[in-house]
Amino acid sequence: MPETVEICHLLLLPAGAEPPGLTQPTPELRDAPDFFDAHIELVSAGDTRLDVGGTPVAVRCQVLNGEVWAAECRYRLEDAFADDAAERKGAIEAALREQLIQMHGAAEQELREEYTAVLVGAARPTPEAFLAERGPALARLIRNLRKPPSPQQVEELLSARARFSEHDLTVVDWVGALVVAEHGDFQSELELMKIGKYQLLRLRMLDRAIDAALAQLRVHVESVRGRFTPRGPRTLQTVVERRLELLLEFEKTDQSLLLIGDWYSARVYQLVVDNLYLDDWKAAVSAKLESLGAIDTTVRESLALSWRRMLDVVSLAGWTFLMVAYIVLLVAR
């Protein structure tokens, strides 16, 4: 059984002002249907090598659709099934994260997504036997658990799996994955995980942008309630334009990947979608967009009421002036 495994750690951040690189072709996935279409432009953002506490790490950087910066980091973990392996892995990834954030120029509190895949080149005699023997250690490694997991945790983690061949298997969890590939061909699965994390980060970015737009509209509703403000139409136009941008961004994110059928890549990606709760995130963002539309309608009605009230006041003032003038004329006679 392998005692040294390769680890791939993914870190994704909102794209900054990276210099443009070369556009890269969409990755070819295993057994993908003819109508597979990622609709994601991959641009190289440079490769580098880092030393993290004496562990050499190969880093491949990309920008996805000009929106998300992704770092694909690979290193080897010695004595991977020892009791302290998860702790060593967690320490490497924490230090690696700090270096990558500094390299990217992002703030520590900025939105980010991370994911880790344990890569095994060969699992003898079969992947199932390998999982049966190393299941607890693998679960601990994938989730960076300090204590041994319970049998229920191990079973839960290892149940979400897909098979490509007799000796190729992928297990997907919400924090990490295991990829067993007899010939060391891991890239197909890693690209699917990267795309899933890209979609999750974009949805979180949209969610934050919608929250900002909702807060702006709520403040504006309070400011125009019961009175007319000249800033109203300009504020409303700005927020409505932003809402249209958000709708377009949501549709772009929602349709950025189509995988249909029972192919292996489709199965792996569906596991990624399920374990990252992407459908739940899409539903939440969609609901917030609907709320933004409802508040938009409220603002329009508030502005219309403000105009009507102002016209009523002007009309009342006019009639009052005419009545006073008429009374003055009568008294003067």
C-alpha atoms as a PDB file:
ATOM      1  CA  MET A   1       0.000   0.000   0.000  1.00  0.00           C
ATOM      2  CA  PRO A   2       1.330   3.484  -0.799  1.00  0.00           C
ATOM      3  CA  GLU A   3       2.739   5.378   2.172  1.00  0.00           C
ATOM      4  CA  THR A   4       3.599   8.529   0.218  1.00  0.00           C
ATOM      5  CA  VAL A   5       0.773  10.271  -1.628  1.00  0.00           C
ATOM      6  CA  GLU A   6       0.516  13.379  -3.733  1.00  0.00           C
ATOM      7  CA  ILE A   7      -1.702  16.201  -2.482  1.00  0.00           C
ATOM      8  CA  CYS A   8      -3.363  18.814  -4.675  1.00  0.00           C
ATOM      9  CA  HIS A   9      -4.555  21.885  -2.796  1.00  0.00           C
ATOM     10  CA  LEU A  10      -6.786  24.374  -4.629  1.00  0.00           C
ATOM     11  CA  LEU A  11      -7.128  28.002  -3.559  1.00  0.00           C
ATOM     12  CA  LEU A  12      -9.521  30.334  -5.377  1.00  0.00           C
ATOM     13  CA  LEU A  13      -9.816  34.095  -4.853  1.00  0.00           C
ATOM     14  CA  PRO A  14     -11.606  36.922  -6.661  1.00  0.00           C
ATOM     15  CA  ALA A  15      -9.356  37.980  -9.540  1.00  0.00           C
ATOM     16  CA  GLY A  16      -7.224  41.056  -8.980  1.00  0.00           C
ATOM     17  CA  ALA A  17      -5.159  42.969 -11.503  1.00  0.00           C
ATOM     18  CA  GLU A  18      -3.007  40.080 -12.710  1.00  0.00           C
ATOM     19  CA  PRO A  19      -1.177  40.683 -15.989  1.00  0.00           C
ATOM     20  CA  PRO A  20      -2.896  38.856 -18.869  1.00  0.00           C
ATOM     21  CA  GLY A  21      -1.421  35.507 -19.805  1.00  0.00           C
ATOM     22  CA  LEU A  22      -1.989  33.020 -22.586  1.00  0.00           C
ATOM     23  CA  THR A  23      -5.469  31.615 -23.097  1.00  0.00           C
ATOM     24  CA  GLN A  24      -5.473  27.893 -22.393  1.00  0.00           C
ATOM     25  CA  PRO A  25      -7.733  25.315 -24.048  1.00  0.00           C
ATOM     26  CA  THR A  26     -10.681  23.915 -22.142  1.00  0.00           C
ATOM     27  CA  PRO A  27      -9.472  20.674 -20.501  1.00  0.00           C
ATOM     28  CA  GLU A  28     -10.471  17.379 -22.047  1.00  0.00           C
ATOM     29  CA  LEU A  29     -12.441  15.289 -19.597  1.00  0.00           C
ATOM     30  CA  ARG A  30     -12.735  11.530 -19.451  1.00  0.00           C
ATOM     31  CA  ASP A  31     -15.668  10.130 -21.401  1.00  0.00           C
ATOM     32  CA  ALA A  32     -17.295  13.567 -21.641  1.00  0.00           C
ATOM     33  CA  PRO A  33     -20.270  13.685 -24.021  1.00  0.00           C
ATOM     34  CA  ASP A  34     -19.914  15.474 -27.354  1.00  0.00           C
ATOM     35  CA  PHE A  35     -22.072  18.359 -26.131  1.00  0.00           C
ATOM     36  CA  PHE A  36     -19.911  19.029 -23.067  1.00  0.00           C
ATOM     37  CA  ASP A  37     -19.182  22.761 -22.948  1.00  0.00           C
ATOM     38  CA  ALA A  38     -17.524  24.485 -20.010  1.00  0.00           C
ATOM     39  CA  HIS A  39     -17.989  28.074 -21.286  1.00  0.00           C
ATOM     40  CA  ILE A  40     -15.060  29.064 -19.064  1.00  0.00           C
ATOM     41  CA  GLU A  41     -12.012  30.885 -20.400  1.00  0.00           C
ATOM     42  CA  LEU A  42      -8.819  29.733 -18.724  1.00  0.00           C
ATOM     43  CA  VAL A  43      -5.924  32.195 -18.792  1.00  0.00           C
ATOM     44  CA  SER A  44      -2.464  31.346 -17.514  1.00  0.00           C
ATOM     45  CA  ALA A  45      -1.352  33.499 -14.586  1.00  0.00           C
ATOM     46  CA  GLY A  46       2.105  32.006 -14.222  1.00  0.00           C
ATOM     47  CA  ASP A  47       3.660  28.931 -12.602  1.00  0.00           C
ATOM     48  CA  THR A  48       6.025  28.938  -9.663  1.00  0.00           C
ATOM     49  CA  ARG A  49       7.582  26.738  -7.018  1.00  0.00           C
ATOM     50  CA  LEU A  50       7.323  27.459  -3.308  1.00  0.00           C
ATOM     51  CA  ASP A  51       9.064  26.048  -0.269  1.00  0.00           C
ATOM     52  CA  VAL A  52       6.622  25.529   2.583  1.00  0.00           C
ATOM     53  CA  GLY A  53       8.416  24.443   5.742  1.00  0.00           C
ATOM     54  CA  GLY A  54      10.873  22.380   3.729  1.00  0.00           C
ATOM     55  CA  THR A  55       8.188  20.860   1.480  1.00  0.00           C
ATOM     56  CA  PRO A  56       8.537  21.791  -2.207  1.00  0.00           C
ATOM     57  CA  VAL A  57       5.217  22.814  -3.762  1.00  0.00           C
ATOM     58  CA  ALA A  58       4.557  23.234  -7.491  1.00  0.00           C
ATOM     59  CA  VAL A  59       2.010  26.008  -8.075  1.00  0.00           C
ATOM     60  CA  ARG A  60       0.041  26.508 -11.287  1.00  0.00           C
ATOM     61  CA  CYS A  61      -1.954  29.747 -11.429  1.00  0.00           C
ATOM     62  CA  GLN A  62      -4.897  30.540 -13.708  1.00  0.00           C
ATOM     63  CA  VAL A  63      -7.601  33.180 -14.084  1.00  0.00           C
ATOM     64  CA  LEU A  64     -11.063  31.806 -14.874  1.00  0.00           C
ATOM     65  CA  ASN A  65     -13.326  34.048 -16.968  1.00  0.00           C
ATOM     66  CA  GLY A  66     -11.400  37.080 -15.762  1.00  0.00           C
ATOM     67  CA  GLU A  67     -13.259  36.752 -12.447  1.00  0.00           C
ATOM     68  CA  VAL A  68     -11.512  34.175 -10.268  1.00  0.00           C
ATOM     69  CA  TRP A  69      -7.819  33.562  -9.613  1.00  0.00           C
ATOM     70  CA  ALA A  70      -7.037  29.889  -8.994  1.00  0.00           C
ATOM     71  CA  ALA A  71      -3.867  28.298  -7.665  1.00  0.00           C
ATOM     72  CA  GLU A  72      -3.403  24.557  -8.169  1.00  0.00           C
ATOM     73  CA  CYS A  73      -0.720  23.437  -5.709  1.00  0.00           C
ATOM     74  CA  ARG A  74       0.862  19.987  -5.681  1.00  0.00           C
ATOM     75  CA  TYR A  75       3.196  18.467  -3.119  1.00  0.00           C
ATOM     76  CA  ARG A  76       4.057  15.047  -1.746  1.00  0.00           C
ATOM     77  CA  LEU A  77       3.117  13.974   1.761  1.00  0.00           C
ATOM     78  CA  GLU A  78       5.432  11.411   3.332  1.00  0.00           C
ATOM     79  CA  ASP A  79       4.110   8.726   5.682  1.00  0.00           C
ATOM     80  CA  ALA A  80       0.603   9.777   4.668  1.00  0.00           C
ATOM     81  CA  PHE A  81      -1.261   7.303   6.868  1.00  0.00           C
ATOM     82  CA  ALA A  82       0.523   8.042  10.122  1.00  0.00           C
ATOM     83  CA  ASP A  83      -1.442   9.457  13.041  1.00  0.00           C
ATOM     84  CA  ASP A  84       0.118  12.911  12.596  1.00  0.00           C
ATOM     85  CA  ALA A  85      -0.314  13.032   8.801  1.00  0.00           C
ATOM     86  CA  ALA A  86      -3.500  15.132   8.898  1.00  0.00           C
ATOM     87  CA  GLU A  87      -1.862  17.604  11.275  1.00  0.00           C
ATOM     88  CA  ARG A  88       1.216  17.914   9.027  1.00  0.00           C
ATOM     89  CA  LYS A  89      -0.990  18.323   5.964  1.00  0.00           C
ATOM     90  CA  GLY A  90      -3.050  21.035   7.675  1.00  0.00           C
ATOM     91  CA  ALA A  91       0.101  22.927   8.700  1.00  0.00           C
ATOM     92  CA  ILE A  92       1.477  22.823   5.145  1.00  0.00           C
ATOM     93  CA  GLU A  93      -1.788  24.101   3.686  1.00  0.00           C
ATOM     94  CA  ALA A  94      -2.128  26.892   6.272  1.00  0.00           C
ATOM     95  CA  ALA A  95       1.375  28.162   5.476  1.00  0.00           C
ATOM     96  CA  LEU A  96       0.745  27.688   1.756  1.00  0.00           C
ATOM     97  CA  ARG A  97      -2.489  29.700   1.986  1.00  0.00           C
ATOM     98  CA  GLU A  98      -0.652  32.569   3.666  1.00  0.00           C
ATOM     99  CA  GLN A  99       2.029  32.661   0.961  1.00  0.00           C
ATOM    100  CA  LEU A 100      -0.506  32.486  -1.862  1.00  0.00           C
ATOM    101  CA  ILE A 101      -2.663  35.281  -0.407  1.00  0.00           C
ATOM    102  CA  GLN A 102       0.426  37.482  -0.145  1.00  0.00           C
ATOM    103  CA  MET A 103       1.446  36.553  -3.685  1.00  0.00           C
ATOM    104  CA  HIS A 104      -2.028  37.424  -4.971  1.00  0.00           C
ATOM    105  CA  GLY A 105      -2.213  40.646  -2.957  1.00  0.00           C
ATOM    106  CA  ALA A 106      -5.580  39.767  -1.457  1.00  0.00           C
ATOM    107  CA  ALA A 107      -6.793  40.713   2.006  1.00  0.00           C
ATOM    108  CA  GLU A 108      -6.886  37.937   4.601  1.00  0.00           C
ATOM    109  CA  GLN A 109     -10.635  38.399   5.136  1.00  0.00           C
ATOM    110  CA  GLU A 110     -11.453  38.372   1.409  1.00  0.00           C
ATOM    111  CA  LEU A 111     -13.797  35.702   0.069  1.00  0.00           C
ATOM    112  CA  ARG A 112     -11.967  32.536  -0.866  1.00  0.00           C
ATOM    113  CA  GLU A 113     -12.559  28.864  -1.558  1.00  0.00           C
ATOM    114  CA  GLU A 114     -10.225  25.952  -0.844  1.00  0.00           C
ATOM    115  CA  TYR A 115     -10.309  22.277  -1.691  1.00  0.00           C
ATOM    116  CA  THR A 116      -7.863  19.396  -1.281  1.00  0.00           C
ATOM    117  CA  ALA A 117      -7.564  16.189  -3.262  1.00  0.00           C
ATOM    118  CA  VAL A 118      -5.539  13.174  -2.141  1.00  0.00           C
ATOM    119  CA  LEU A 119      -4.025  11.616  -5.274  1.00  0.00           C
ATOM    120  CA  VAL A 120      -3.125   7.912  -5.305  1.00  0.00           C
ATOM    121  CA  GLY A 121      -1.418   6.486  -8.359  1.00  0.00           C
ATOM    122  CA  ALA A 122      -2.162   2.832  -7.668  1.00  0.00           C
ATOM    123  CA  ALA A 123      -4.296   1.024  -5.117  1.00  0.00           C
ATOM    124  CA  ARG A 124      -3.690  -2.708  -4.963  1.00  0.00           C
ATOM    125  CA  PRO A 125      -5.272  -5.158  -5.262  1.00  0.00           C
ATOM    126  CA  THR A 126      -8.333  -2.999  -5.938  1.00  0.00           C
ATOM    127  CA  PRO A 127      -9.487   0.508  -4.931  1.00  0.00           C
ATOM    128  CA  GLU A 128     -12.237  -1.094  -2.816  1.00  0.00           C
ATOM    129  CA  ALA A 129      -9.729  -3.153  -0.857  1.00  0.00           C
ATOM    130  CA  PHE A 130      -7.555  -0.059  -0.452  1.00  0.00           C
ATOM    131  CA  LEU A 131     -10.502   1.915   0.914  1.00  0.00           C
ATOM    132  CA  ALA A 132     -11.478  -0.900   3.256  1.00  0.00           C
ATOM    133  CA  GLU A 133      -7.965  -1.004   4.725  1.00  0.00           C
ATOM    134  CA  ARG A 134      -7.136   2.716   4.715  1.00  0.00           C
ATOM    135  CA  GLY A 135     -10.638   4.206   5.042  1.00  0.00           C
ATOM    136  CA  PRO A 136     -10.220   5.799   8.523  1.00  0.00           C
ATOM    137  CA  ALA A 137      -6.772   7.205   7.656  1.00  0.00           C
ATOM    138  CA  LEU A 138      -8.046   8.570   4.322  1.00  0.00           C
ATOM    139  CA  ALA A 139     -11.083  10.184   5.950  1.00  0.00           C
ATOM    140  CA  ARG A 140      -8.844  11.772   8.544  1.00  0.00           C
ATOM    141  CA  LEU A 141      -6.472  13.003   5.828  1.00  0.00           C
ATOM    142  CA  ILE A 142      -9.163  14.397   3.531  1.00  0.00           C
ATOM    143  CA  ARG A 143     -10.924  16.310   6.310  1.00  0.00           C
ATOM    144  CA  ASN A 144      -7.769  17.205   8.294  1.00  0.00           C
ATOM    145  CA  LEU A 145      -9.243  15.582  11.410  1.00  0.00           C
ATOM    146  CA  ARG A 146      -7.169  15.731  14.582  1.00  0.00           C
ATOM    147  CA  LYS A 147      -8.902  12.696  16.043  1.00  0.00           C
ATOM    148  CA  PRO A 148      -9.743   9.359  14.386  1.00  0.00           C
ATOM    149  CA  PRO A 149     -13.168   9.514  12.698  1.00  0.00           C
ATOM    150  CA  SER A 150     -16.078   7.342  13.697  1.00  0.00           C
ATOM    151  CA  PRO A 151     -17.154   4.455  11.441  1.00  0.00           C
ATOM    152  CA  GLN A 152     -20.226   6.504  10.484  1.00  0.00           C
ATOM    153  CA  GLN A 153     -18.038   9.418   9.359  1.00  0.00           C
ATOM    154  CA  VAL A 154     -15.862   7.119   7.291  1.00  0.00           C
ATOM    155  CA  GLU A 155     -18.864   5.487   5.659  1.00  0.00           C
ATOM    156  CA  GLU A 156     -20.454   8.859   4.906  1.00  0.00           C
ATOM    157  CA  LEU A 157     -17.297  10.246   3.336  1.00  0.00           C
ATOM    158  CA  LEU A 158     -16.474   7.205   1.212  1.00  0.00           C
ATOM    159  CA  SER A 159     -20.022   6.647  -0.044  1.00  0.00           C
ATOM    160  CA  ALA A 160     -19.976   9.460  -2.643  1.00  0.00           C
ATOM    161  CA  ARG A 161     -17.848   7.749  -5.269  1.00  0.00           C
ATOM    162  CA  ALA A 162     -17.586   7.235  -9.015  1.00  0.00           C
ATOM    163  CA  ARG A 163     -15.766   4.501 -10.956  1.00  0.00           C
ATOM    164  CA  PHE A 164     -14.008   4.971 -14.288  1.00  0.00           C
ATOM    165  CA  SER A 165     -12.418   1.531 -14.544  1.00  0.00           C
ATOM    166  CA  GLU A 166     -11.478  -1.424 -12.385  1.00  0.00           C
ATOM    167  CA  HIS A 167      -8.486   0.484 -10.989  1.00  0.00           C
ATOM    168  CA  ASP A 168      -9.727   4.105 -11.169  1.00  0.00           C
ATOM    169  CA  LEU A 169     -12.020   5.586  -8.550  1.00  0.00           C
ATOM    170  CA  THR A 170     -12.958   9.060  -7.250  1.00  0.00           C
ATOM    171  CA  VAL A 171     -14.445   9.892  -3.841  1.00  0.00           C
ATOM    172  CA  VAL A 172     -15.867  13.405  -3.357  1.00  0.00           C
ATOM    173  CA  ASP A 173     -16.481  15.135  -0.035  1.00  0.00           C
ATOM    174  CA  TRP A 174     -17.447  18.730   0.746  1.00  0.00           C
ATOM    175  CA  VAL A 175     -13.928  19.648   1.967  1.00  0.00           C
ATOM    176  CA  GLY A 176     -11.802  17.358  -0.185  1.00  0.00           C
ATOM    177  CA  ALA A 177     -11.581  14.313  -2.387  1.00  0.00           C
ATOM    178  CA  LEU A 178      -9.685  11.124  -3.115  1.00  0.00           C
ATOM    179  CA  VAL A 179      -8.661  10.332  -6.681  1.00  0.00           C
ATOM    180  CA  VAL A 180      -7.273   6.886  -7.475  1.00  0.00           C
ATOM    181  CA  ALA A 181      -5.875   6.722 -11.030  1.00  0.00           C
ATOM    182  CA  GLU A 182      -3.765   3.768 -12.054  1.00  0.00           C
ATOM    183  CA  HIS A 183      -1.691   5.756 -14.577  1.00  0.00           C
ATOM    184  CA  GLY A 184      -1.517   8.954 -12.556  1.00  0.00           C
ATOM    185  CA  ASP A 185      -4.022  10.809 -14.762  1.00  0.00           C
ATOM    186  CA  PHE A 186      -5.611  13.062 -12.148  1.00  0.00           C
ATOM    187  CA  GLN A 187      -6.085  16.260 -14.149  1.00  0.00           C
ATOM    188  CA  SER A 188      -9.572  15.492 -15.438  1.00  0.00           C
ATOM    189  CA  GLU A 189     -11.007  15.118 -11.937  1.00  0.00           C
ATOM    190  CA  LEU A 190      -9.059  18.121 -10.618  1.00  0.00           C
ATOM    191  CA  GLU A 191     -10.482  20.350 -13.354  1.00  0.00           C
ATOM    192  CA  LEU A 192     -14.023  19.337 -12.415  1.00  0.00           C
ATOM    193  CA  MET A 193     -13.347  20.147  -8.760  1.00  0.00           C
ATOM    194  CA  LYS A 194     -11.775  23.469  -9.733  1.00  0.00           C
ATOM    195  CA  ILE A 195     -14.800  24.383 -11.867  1.00  0.00           C
ATOM    196  CA  GLY A 196     -17.170  23.417  -9.059  1.00  0.00           C
ATOM    197  CA  LYS A 197     -15.261  25.613  -6.611  1.00  0.00           C
ATOM    198  CA  TYR A 198     -15.207  28.416  -9.200  1.00  0.00           C
ATOM    199  CA  GLN A 199     -18.982  28.263  -9.417  1.00  0.00           C
ATOM    200  CA  LEU A 200     -19.316  28.281  -5.627  1.00  0.00           C
ATOM    201  CA  LEU A 201     -17.036  31.312  -5.248  1.00  0.00           C
ATOM    202  CA  ARG A 202     -18.891  33.186  -8.010  1.00  0.00           C
ATOM    203  CA  LEU A 203     -22.207  32.458  -6.283  1.00  0.00           C
ATOM    204  CA  ARG A 204     -20.809  33.716  -2.976  1.00  0.00           C
ATOM    205  CA  MET A 205     -19.521  36.858  -4.709  1.00  0.00           C
ATOM    206  CA  LEU A 206     -22.951  37.389  -6.266  1.00  0.00           C
ATOM    207  CA  ASP A 207     -24.594  36.802  -2.902  1.00  0.00           C
ATOM    208  CA  ARG A 208     -22.437  39.517  -1.334  1.00  0.00           C
ATOM    209  CA  ALA A 209     -23.131  41.919  -4.220  1.00  0.00           C
ATOM    210  CA  ILE A 210     -26.884  41.324  -3.915  1.00  0.00           C
ATOM    211  CA  ASP A 211     -26.710  41.971  -0.153  1.00  0.00           C
ATOM    212  CA  ALA A 212     -25.015  45.311  -0.874  1.00  0.00           C
ATOM    213  CA  ALA A 213     -27.680  46.234  -3.451  1.00  0.00           C
ATOM    214  CA  LEU A 214     -30.474  45.204  -1.075  1.00  0.00           C
ATOM    215  CA  ALA A 215     -28.980  47.316   1.707  1.00  0.00           C
ATOM    216  CA  GLN A 216     -28.740  50.290  -0.643  1.00  0.00           C
ATOM    217  CA  LEU A 217     -32.367  49.912  -1.676  1.00  0.00           C
ATOM    218  CA  ARG A 218     -33.587  49.486   1.903  1.00  0.00           C
ATOM    219  CA  VAL A 219     -31.815  52.687   2.950  1.00  0.00           C
ATOM    220  CA  HIS A 220     -33.324  54.471  -0.024  1.00  0.00           C
ATOM    221  CA  VAL A 221     -36.834  53.223   0.781  1.00  0.00           C
ATOM    222  CA  GLU A 222     -36.507  54.681   4.289  1.00  0.00           C
ATOM    223  CA  SER A 223     -35.150  57.968   2.960  1.00  0.00           C
ATOM    224  CA  VAL A 224     -38.009  58.569   0.483  1.00  0.00           C
ATOM    225  CA  ARG A 225     -40.849  57.266   2.646  1.00  0.00           C
ATOM    226  CA  GLY A 226     -43.404  60.032   3.018  1.00  0.00           C
ATOM    227  CA  ARG A 227     -41.496  62.654   1.059  1.00  0.00           C
ATOM    228  CA  PHE A 228     -39.952  63.360  -2.318  1.00  0.00           C
ATOM    229  CA  THR A 229     -36.172  63.474  -2.785  1.00  0.00           C
ATOM    230  CA  PRO A 230     -34.510  64.530  -6.066  1.00  0.00           C
ATOM    231  CA  ARG A 231     -31.900  61.769  -5.559  1.00  0.00           C
ATOM    232  CA  GLY A 232     -34.583  59.113  -5.789  1.00  0.00           C
ATOM    233  CA  PRO A 233     -34.642  58.521  -9.558  1.00  0.00           C
ATOM    234  CA  ARG A 234     -30.843  58.517  -9.804  1.00  0.00           C
ATOM    235  CA  THR A 235     -30.462  56.051  -6.913  1.00  0.00           C
ATOM    236  CA  LEU A 236     -33.152  53.804  -8.343  1.00  0.00           C
ATOM    237  CA  GLN A 237     -31.586  53.828 -11.809  1.00  0.00           C
ATOM    238  CA  THR A 238     -28.181  52.874 -10.359  1.00  0.00           C
ATOM    239  CA  VAL A 239     -29.606  49.950  -8.375  1.00  0.00           C
ATOM    240  CA  VAL A 240     -31.788  48.741 -11.255  1.00  0.00           C
ATOM    241  CA  GLU A 241     -28.753  48.730 -13.553  1.00  0.00           C
ATOM    242  CA  ARG A 242     -26.827  46.792 -10.911  1.00  0.00           C
ATOM    243  CA  ARG A 243     -29.685  44.297 -10.626  1.00  0.00           C
ATOM    244  CA  LEU A 244     -29.593  43.684 -14.374  1.00  0.00           C
ATOM    245  CA  GLU A 245     -25.838  43.084 -14.139  1.00  0.00           C
ATOM    246  CA  LEU A 246     -26.389  40.645 -11.280  1.00  0.00           C
ATOM    247  CA  LEU A 247     -29.068  38.784 -13.237  1.00  0.00           C
ATOM    248  CA  LEU A 248     -26.737  38.419 -16.214  1.00  0.00           C
ATOM    249  CA  GLU A 249     -23.885  37.279 -13.971  1.00  0.00           C
ATOM    250  CA  PHE A 250     -26.160  34.745 -12.286  1.00  0.00           C
ATOM    251  CA  GLU A 251     -27.274  33.310 -15.632  1.00  0.00           C
ATOM    252  CA  LYS A 252     -23.661  33.135 -16.774  1.00  0.00           C
ATOM    253  CA  THR A 253     -22.633  31.277 -13.627  1.00  0.00           C
ATOM    254  CA  ASP A 254     -25.680  29.017 -13.719  1.00  0.00           C
ATOM    255  CA  GLN A 255     -25.024  27.984 -17.327  1.00  0.00           C
ATOM    256  CA  SER A 256     -21.221  27.894 -17.198  1.00  0.00           C
ATOM    257  CA  LEU A 257     -21.144  24.119 -17.283  1.00  0.00           C
ATOM    258  CA  LEU A 258     -23.440  21.582 -18.903  1.00  0.00           C
ATOM    259  CA  LEU A 259     -22.898  17.911 -18.175  1.00  0.00           C
ATOM    260  CA  ILE A 260     -25.718  15.601 -19.168  1.00  0.00           C
ATOM    261  CA  GLY A 261     -25.825  11.825 -19.180  1.00  0.00           C
ATOM    262  CA  ASP A 262     -24.275   8.896 -17.357  1.00  0.00           C
ATOM    263  CA  TRP A 263     -20.673   9.514 -18.406  1.00  0.00           C
ATOM    264  CA  TYR A 264     -17.919   9.326 -15.807  1.00  0.00           C
ATOM    265  CA  SER A 265     -17.142  13.060 -15.905  1.00  0.00           C
ATOM    266  CA  ALA A 266     -20.814  13.860 -15.523  1.00  0.00           C
ATOM    267  CA  ARG A 267     -21.040  11.548 -12.512  1.00  0.00           C
ATOM    268  CA  VAL A 268     -17.966  13.109 -10.855  1.00  0.00           C
ATOM    269  CA  TYR A 269     -19.253  16.611 -11.479  1.00  0.00           C
ATOM    270  CA  GLN A 270     -22.667  15.726 -10.050  1.00  0.00           C
ATOM    271  CA  LEU A 271     -20.919  14.514  -6.902  1.00  0.00           C
ATOM    272  CA  VAL A 272     -19.090  17.862  -6.760  1.00  0.00           C
ATOM    273  CA  VAL A 273     -22.373  19.758  -7.193  1.00  0.00           C
ATOM    274  CA  ASP A 274     -24.093  17.713  -4.477  1.00  0.00           C
ATOM    275  CA  ASN A 275     -21.275  17.899  -1.940  1.00  0.00           C
ATOM    276  CA  LEU A 276     -20.628  21.622  -2.434  1.00  0.00           C
ATOM    277  CA  TYR A 277     -24.387  22.313  -2.210  1.00  0.00           C
ATOM    278  CA  LEU A 278     -24.245  24.317  -5.435  1.00  0.00           C
ATOM    279  CA  ASP A 279     -27.952  23.852  -6.135  1.00  0.00           C
ATOM    280  CA  ASP A 280     -28.794  25.251  -2.689  1.00  0.00           C
ATOM    281  CA  TRP A 281     -26.528  28.239  -3.307  1.00  0.00           C
ATOM    282  CA  LYS A 282     -28.164  28.862  -6.684  1.00  0.00           C
ATOM    283  CA  ALA A 283     -31.614  28.749  -5.088  1.00  0.00           C
ATOM    284  CA  ALA A 284     -30.548  31.162  -2.338  1.00  0.00           C
ATOM    285  CA  VAL A 285     -29.015  33.636  -4.790  1.00  0.00           C
ATOM    286  CA  SER A 286     -32.063  33.380  -7.055  1.00  0.00           C
ATOM    287  CA  ALA A 287     -34.360  34.116  -4.095  1.00  0.00           C
ATOM    288  CA  LYS A 288     -32.308  37.177  -3.178  1.00  0.00           C
ATOM    289  CA  LEU A 289     -32.514  38.432  -6.751  1.00  0.00           C
ATOM    290  CA  GLU A 290     -36.296  38.100  -6.516  1.00  0.00           C
ATOM    291  CA  SER A 291     -36.228  40.058  -3.243  1.00  0.00           C
ATOM    292  CA  LEU A 292     -34.162  42.737  -4.969  1.00  0.00           C
ATOM    293  CA  GLY A 293     -36.829  42.937  -7.666  1.00  0.00           C
ATOM    294  CA  ALA A 294     -39.600  43.192  -5.061  1.00  0.00           C
ATOM    295  CA  ILE A 295     -37.842  46.022  -3.231  1.00  0.00           C
ATOM    296  CA  ASP A 296     -37.237  47.699  -6.593  1.00  0.00           C
ATOM    297  CA  THR A 297     -41.025  47.689  -7.110  1.00  0.00           C
ATOM    298  CA  THR A 298     -41.536  49.111  -3.608  1.00  0.00           C
ATOM    299  CA  VAL A 299     -39.108  51.941  -4.353  1.00  0.00           C
ATOM    300  CA  ARG A 300     -40.913  52.774  -7.594  1.00  0.00           C
ATOM    301  CA  GLU A 301     -44.254  52.860  -5.785  1.00  0.00           C
ATOM    302  CA  SER A 302     -42.725  55.018  -3.050  1.00  0.00           C
ATOM    303  CA  LEU A 303     -41.419  57.471  -5.629  1.00  0.00           C
ATOM    304  CA  ALA A 304     -44.786  57.536  -7.388  1.00  0.00           C
ATOM    305  CA  LEU A 305     -46.513  58.261  -4.069  1.00  0.00           C
ATOM    306  CA  SER A 306     -44.021  61.041  -3.372  1.00  0.00           C
ATOM    307  CA  TRP A 307     -44.805  62.660  -6.717  1.00  0.00           C
ATOM    308  CA  ARG A 308     -48.556  62.304  -6.170  1.00  0.00           C
ATOM    309  CA  ARG A 309     -48.326  63.774  -2.698  1.00  0.00           C
ATOM    310  CA  MET A 310     -46.311  66.698  -3.982  1.00  0.00           C
ATOM    311  CA  LEU A 311     -48.897  67.345  -6.733  1.00  0.00           C
ATOM    312  CA  ASP A 312     -51.701  67.100  -4.179  1.00  0.00           C
ATOM    313  CA  VAL A 313     -49.972  69.666  -1.969  1.00  0.00           C
ATOM    314  CA  VAL A 314     -49.448  72.005  -4.949  1.00  0.00           C
ATOM    315  CA  SER A 315     -53.075  71.584  -6.007  1.00  0.00           C
ATOM    316  CA  LEU A 316     -54.343  72.215  -2.470  1.00  0.00           C
ATOM    317  CA  ALA A 317     -52.147  75.294  -2.146  1.00  0.00           C
ATOM    318  CA  GLY A 318     -53.484  76.607  -5.448  1.00  0.00           C
ATOM    319  CA  TRP A 319     -57.093  76.134  -4.424  1.00  0.00           C
ATOM    320  CA  THR A 320     -56.403  77.747  -1.055  1.00  0.00           C
ATOM    321  CA  PHE A 321     -54.827  80.754  -2.746  1.00  0.00           C
ATOM    322  CA  LEU A 322     -57.849  81.135  -5.062  1.00  0.00           C
ATOM    323  CA  MET A 323     -60.295  80.920  -2.148  1.00  0.00           C
ATOM    324  CA  VAL A 324     -58.386  83.534  -0.135  1.00  0.00           C
ATOM    325  CA  ALA A 325     -58.222  85.814  -3.160  1.00  0.00           C
ATOM    326  CA  TYR A 326     -61.947  85.394  -3.758  1.00  0.00           C
ATOM    327  CA  ILE A 327     -62.757  86.258  -0.113  1.00  0.00           C
ATOM    328  CA  VAL A 328     -60.489  89.322  -0.259  1.00  0.00           C
ATOM    329  CA  LEU A 329     -62.295  90.518  -3.390  1.00  0.00           C
ATOM    330  CA  LEU A 330     -65.690  90.059  -1.697  1.00  0.00           C
ATOM    331  CA  VAL A 331     -64.586  91.995   1.403  1.00  0.00           C
ATOM    332  CA  ALA A 332     -63.067  94.779  -0.719  1.00  0.00           C
ATOM    333  CA  ARG A 333     -66.454  95.390  -2.381  1.00  0.00           C
END
